[in-house]
Amino acid sequence: MPGENANKIRVRRTKAEVELAIKNAAAEEIKRHGFSNVFVTNIMTRAKIEPSVFYNRYNNLDEFYDEFVRDYDYWLHEIVNGEKNLKLDKESYSSILKGLLGSLLQNPIMTELLRWEISTGNDTTRRTAMLREFSTLPLVRNSEERFQEKGLDLPAISALLIGGIYYLVLHKDRAPFSDIDLNTKEGVDRIRKALEGLSPLLFDGIAEV
């Protein structure tokens, strides 16, 4: 019947629309299950595509992931880049750390990418981890000598602070940490204020150059 045939007609999507549908479907699956627990068949179902459509573009899920995460390679670079042309001081240092915290809390894909890097070693996770390293090192290295005169190792201190932020965000859905719950505004505000308070302790007394 004409009505039945009409229901069977599929709206033809452009190549760009199909790519977007696949990425959006993958993002939803990753938010729910994490990178390591996503099945490519679930992405296909959510994106409403046939297997051939996916495999005409990617050989496997790993190849898709390698392209997918490139959309998130920029995130820490942009946080740091806003401060790169400025002299690193207590305000800019605090701003970078608070920006990192805010970005991770607002974007669960970034959090899941961190979790994947910790649990799985492959070319993609190694690349994304190194890209973050390359984003942060120049900023810290440019001010390293100023801190050495005070007997402080800025890269090591920054590693502890950034690693702490990573862990707090990854841990927040398991339980509070030190009675701080990052699922609440109060908990987030406490960490932000702590970061603001730490910066003067590091920078006060450091000679300007």
Protein backbone atom coordinates (compact mmCIF):
# COMPACT_ATOMS: atom_id res chain seq x y z
CA MET A 1 0.00 0.00 0.00
CA PRO A 2 1.14 3.58 -0.69
CA GLY A 3 1.10 4.44 3.02
CA GLU A 4 3.29 1.48 3.90
CA ASN A 5 5.78 2.32 1.14
CA ALA A 6 5.97 5.89 2.35
CA ASN A 7 6.87 4.69 5.84
CA LYS A 8 9.73 2.65 4.41
CA ILE A 9 11.31 5.62 2.66
CA ARG A 10 14.42 6.74 4.48
CA VAL A 11 15.61 10.30 4.45
CA ARG A 12 18.97 10.34 2.70
CA ARG A 13 21.65 11.97 4.83
CA THR A 14 24.71 13.77 3.57
CA LYS A 15 28.18 12.42 4.30
CA ALA A 16 28.69 15.16 6.90
CA GLU A 17 25.38 14.33 8.57
CA VAL A 18 26.30 10.64 8.78
CA GLU A 19 29.70 11.47 10.28
CA LEU A 20 28.05 13.71 12.85
CA ALA A 21 25.50 11.03 13.70
CA ILE A 22 28.28 8.49 14.27
CA LYS A 23 30.26 10.87 16.51
CA ASN A 24 27.18 11.89 18.49
CA ALA A 25 26.21 8.25 18.96
CA ALA A 26 29.73 7.38 20.08
CA ALA A 27 29.75 10.29 22.54
CA GLU A 28 26.54 9.06 24.17
CA GLU A 29 27.85 5.50 24.42
CA ILE A 30 31.16 6.70 25.88
CA LYS A 31 29.38 8.84 28.48
CA ARG A 32 27.35 5.80 29.54
CA HIS A 33 29.97 3.07 29.39
CA GLY A 34 33.45 4.57 28.94
CA PHE A 35 35.75 4.05 25.96
CA SER A 36 36.74 0.50 26.92
CA ASN A 37 33.18 -0.81 27.21
CA VAL A 38 31.60 0.55 24.05
CA PHE A 39 30.45 -1.88 21.35
CA VAL A 40 30.61 -0.70 17.77
CA THR A 41 27.20 -2.30 17.14
CA ASN A 42 25.66 0.01 19.74
CA ILE A 43 27.15 3.02 17.99
CA MET A 44 25.66 1.83 14.69
CA THR A 45 22.25 1.31 16.25
CA ARG A 46 22.22 4.69 17.96
CA ALA A 47 23.44 6.43 14.79
CA LYS A 48 20.84 4.52 12.72
CA ILE A 49 23.36 3.28 10.17
CA GLU A 50 24.12 -0.07 8.58
CA PRO A 51 27.44 -1.79 9.42
CA SER A 52 28.66 -1.19 5.87
CA VAL A 53 28.30 2.57 6.38
CA PHE A 54 30.60 2.46 9.39
CA TYR A 55 33.14 0.06 7.91
CA ASN A 56 33.35 2.01 4.66
CA ARG A 57 34.82 4.78 6.80
CA TYR A 58 36.77 2.92 9.49
CA ASN A 59 38.45 -0.46 9.60
CA ASN A 60 37.55 -0.97 13.25
CA LEU A 61 36.56 0.80 16.46
CA ASP A 62 40.17 1.64 17.34
CA GLU A 63 40.60 3.53 14.08
CA PHE A 64 37.37 5.43 14.72
CA TYR A 65 38.50 6.32 18.26
CA ASP A 66 41.79 7.67 16.94
CA GLU A 67 39.88 10.15 14.79
CA PHE A 68 37.14 10.80 17.36
CA VAL A 69 39.48 11.90 20.16
CA ARG A 70 41.20 14.43 17.88
CA ASP A 71 38.17 16.64 18.49
CA TYR A 72 39.27 16.73 22.14
CA ASP A 73 43.02 17.15 21.65
CA TYR A 74 42.64 20.92 21.92
CA TRP A 75 41.04 21.16 25.35
CA LEU A 76 44.05 21.61 27.62
CA HIS A 77 45.96 23.50 24.94
CA GLU A 78 43.24 26.16 24.84
CA ILE A 79 43.18 26.49 28.62
CA VAL A 80 46.94 27.04 28.72
CA ASN A 81 47.13 29.04 25.49
CA GLY A 82 45.07 31.82 27.03
CA GLU A 83 47.92 32.39 29.49
CA LYS A 84 50.96 31.63 27.33
CA ASN A 85 51.53 35.20 26.21
CA LEU A 86 51.33 36.42 29.79
CA LYS A 87 53.99 36.24 32.47
CA LEU A 88 53.14 33.33 34.71
CA ASP A 89 52.00 34.73 38.04
CA LYS A 90 49.68 33.70 40.83
CA GLU A 91 46.57 34.89 38.96
CA SER A 92 47.35 33.14 35.66
CA TYR A 93 48.55 29.97 37.41
CA SER A 94 45.36 29.78 39.46
CA SER A 95 43.30 30.51 36.34
CA ILE A 96 44.87 27.58 34.45
CA LEU A 97 44.23 25.12 37.27
CA LYS A 98 40.65 26.29 37.78
CA GLY A 99 40.09 26.15 34.02
CA LEU A 100 41.31 22.56 33.98
CA LEU A 101 38.95 21.63 36.81
CA GLY A 102 35.99 23.34 35.15
CA SER A 103 36.63 21.79 31.73
CA LEU A 104 36.80 18.28 33.13
CA LEU A 105 33.64 18.72 35.19
CA GLN A 106 31.71 20.16 32.24
CA ASN A 107 32.77 17.63 29.61
CA PRO A 108 32.41 13.94 30.56
CA ILE A 109 34.14 12.84 27.34
CA MET A 110 37.35 14.46 28.58
CA THR A 111 36.99 12.63 31.88
CA GLU A 112 36.40 9.31 30.12
CA LEU A 113 39.41 9.96 27.90
CA LEU A 114 41.57 10.34 31.01
CA ARG A 115 40.11 7.14 32.44
CA TRP A 116 40.84 5.31 29.18
CA GLU A 117 44.43 6.56 29.11
CA ILE A 118 45.02 5.22 32.61
CA SER A 119 43.48 1.81 31.96
CA THR A 120 44.52 1.13 28.36
CA GLY A 121 47.81 1.55 26.54
CA ASN A 122 47.60 1.99 22.78
CA ASP A 123 48.79 4.44 20.13
CA THR A 124 45.78 6.70 20.63
CA THR A 125 45.99 6.98 24.42
CA ARG A 126 49.74 7.51 24.29
CA ARG A 127 49.30 10.29 21.73
CA THR A 128 46.61 12.13 23.66
CA ALA A 129 48.60 11.90 26.89
CA MET A 130 51.73 13.27 25.24
CA LEU A 131 49.81 16.12 23.61
CA ARG A 132 48.75 17.31 27.06
CA GLU A 133 52.35 17.09 28.21
CA PHE A 134 53.48 19.22 25.27
CA SER A 135 50.75 21.77 26.05
CA THR A 136 51.78 22.36 29.65
CA LEU A 137 55.57 21.99 29.67
CA PRO A 138 56.51 25.25 27.88
CA LEU A 139 54.47 27.36 30.28
CA VAL A 140 56.01 25.76 33.36
CA ARG A 141 59.55 25.61 31.94
CA ASN A 142 59.54 29.35 31.19
CA SER A 143 59.19 30.10 34.91
CA GLU A 144 61.17 27.20 36.32
CA GLU A 145 64.36 29.14 37.10
CA ARG A 146 62.52 31.75 39.14
CA PHE A 147 61.28 29.03 41.47
CA GLN A 148 64.58 27.18 41.70
CA GLU A 149 66.07 30.23 43.38
CA LYS A 150 63.47 29.72 46.13
CA GLY A 151 64.18 26.00 46.31
CA LEU A 152 60.89 25.05 44.64
CA ASP A 153 60.42 22.57 41.79
CA LEU A 154 57.53 24.09 39.82
CA PRO A 155 57.09 21.17 37.37
CA ALA A 156 56.88 18.69 40.26
CA ILE A 157 54.45 20.90 42.20
CA SER A 158 52.32 21.35 39.07
CA ALA A 159 52.32 17.58 38.48
CA LEU A 160 50.94 17.03 41.98
CA LEU A 161 48.24 19.67 41.58
CA ILE A 162 47.16 18.62 38.09
CA GLY A 163 47.27 14.93 39.04
CA GLY A 164 45.17 15.73 42.10
CA ILE A 165 42.58 17.49 39.97
CA TYR A 166 42.48 14.51 37.60
CA TYR A 167 41.96 12.07 40.47
CA LEU A 168 39.29 14.13 42.23
CA VAL A 169 37.26 14.36 39.02
CA LEU A 170 37.67 10.65 38.22
CA HIS A 171 36.78 9.70 41.80
CA LYS A 172 33.75 11.98 42.26
CA ASP A 173 31.13 9.41 41.24
CA ARG A 174 32.47 6.81 43.69
CA ALA A 175 32.49 8.75 46.95
CA PRO A 176 33.45 12.12 48.43
CA PHE A 177 37.18 12.63 48.96
CA SER A 178 38.29 14.25 52.24
CA ASP A 179 34.60 15.03 52.74
CA ILE A 180 34.56 17.04 49.49
CA ASP A 181 31.89 16.12 46.96
CA LEU A 182 32.61 17.45 43.46
CA ASN A 183 29.06 16.60 42.46
CA THR A 184 27.96 19.63 44.49
CA LYS A 185 28.57 23.34 43.94
CA GLU A 186 29.89 23.59 47.49
CA GLY A 187 32.50 20.92 46.81
CA VAL A 188 33.63 22.51 43.54
CA ASP A 189 33.84 25.95 45.19
CA ARG A 190 36.03 24.53 47.96
CA ILE A 191 38.55 23.16 45.47
CA ARG A 192 38.52 26.39 43.45
CA LYS A 193 39.17 28.44 46.58
CA ALA A 194 41.96 26.06 47.59
CA LEU A 195 43.63 26.56 44.19
CA GLU A 196 43.29 30.32 44.58
CA GLY A 197 44.88 30.11 48.02
CA LEU A 198 47.78 27.93 46.91
CA SER A 199 48.98 30.23 44.14
CA PRO A 200 50.06 33.09 46.45
CA LEU A 201 51.96 30.59 48.61
CA LEU A 202 53.97 29.63 45.53
CA PHE A 203 54.41 32.99 43.86
CA ASP A 204 54.78 35.48 46.71
CA GLY A 205 58.46 36.28 47.06
CA ILE A 206 59.35 34.98 43.59
CA ALA A 207 61.42 37.56 41.70
CA GLU A 208 59.84 39.03 38.56
CA VAL A 209 61.87 38.69 35.37
